[in-house]
Amino acid sequence: MRNPRYLPKGGGAFFGALVGRYGNRIGKGKFTLDGQEYTLAKNNGPNALHGGKKGFDKVLWKATAIDSQEPQLKLNYTSVDGEEGYPRNLDVEVIYTLKKDNSLKIDYKAKTDKTTVINLTNHTYFNLTGNVNKEILDHEVTILADKLVSVDRTLIPTGELTTVAGTLFDFLTAHKIGERINDANDPQIKFGKGYDHCWAFTDSSKKLKNVTSVYEPTTGRKMEVFTTEPAVQFYSGNFLDGMTLLLGSFYQCVH
C-alpha cells in the first residue's frame, strides 16, 4: 500500500503541520498566473507538494497567546515574494481555538499585495483508538460528498469530477476504511495506494458545514470535521514509511 517513489524527502510526513503556501500537489511544479509561468521545487516525485522543500511547516512563526474565555494561540508569518518560487508578499495569520465543547477551531487569514495562489490547511493525523500501534482500518468514515476529484498516476487532478455513488469512494453512508481500500482493480485506488483523494461536497456554499465524521467502534470516539471550503482531502497514510495505514488525515483542498 505504499509507494516510496512519491514519499516527500526530508521529514515529509507533515505530522500536525500548518501547510502553505499551497496545500496538496501542483503538477510538474509549475503554474501560470496573469500570463507568467512560475516554477516551484519538486518535492513529491514530479510535482510540488504542500508548499515545497521549506513550506510553512518548516518556518518560524510569531506566536501570541490570546487572553480570552477559550484558550487561543495566534500565529503570524510573512512569506516574501519569491519564497519557494511563489509570487507576491503574503501576510498570514492563523488562530487555533480550543473551544469549551472540546472542539478545535482553526481560522486562517491571509493578505497579499498582488494576486497570488494560496491554499492554507492543517495536516494533523488521527487514530481514534488512542494507540498508534493499532491500524485505522476499522474506523468508520462518512464524507458528505457526491463527487470525487479524479487524479492521474502522480495524484494530480485530471479535471474530471466523477460521481461516487456505487463506487469504492462512496462514503455518503458510513463505511470502514479497510472495507474497500485494497481493491487494486480500481485505478484511483491503485494510483493512491489507498485513499489519497479529494471529495467535492454536495453543498459547495461558503457556509460552515459538517462534512465528514469518523467513528471508532471499540472506544466509541467520534470526530466531526466542519469547513467552509468546497472539498476535503482524505489521506489514509499510505505513503508513511513503516507506518502504513496506522494513521489517517483529513485536510481541506480546492478544486
Foldseek 3Di string as FASTA:
>chain_A
DADQLFQFPDPRPQAFFWFDQAAAKDAQQWDDDPRDIWGAEARGRSIAHRQHPCTPRNDDWDWDWDDDPWTKIKTWDWDDACVRRWGFIKIKIWMWTCDPVRDIDIDIDMDTPDDTDGDIKTWHKDDVVPDLVDFQQQKKKAFQFQWWQAADLSRHGPPDIDGCPPHPPHRNDIDGQNPCLPPCVDVRSVSQVGFFTKGFHPDQAQDWDWGMKIADPVVRDMDIDIGSHGIKTKRQQCHDVPRHRSIITIMDHHD
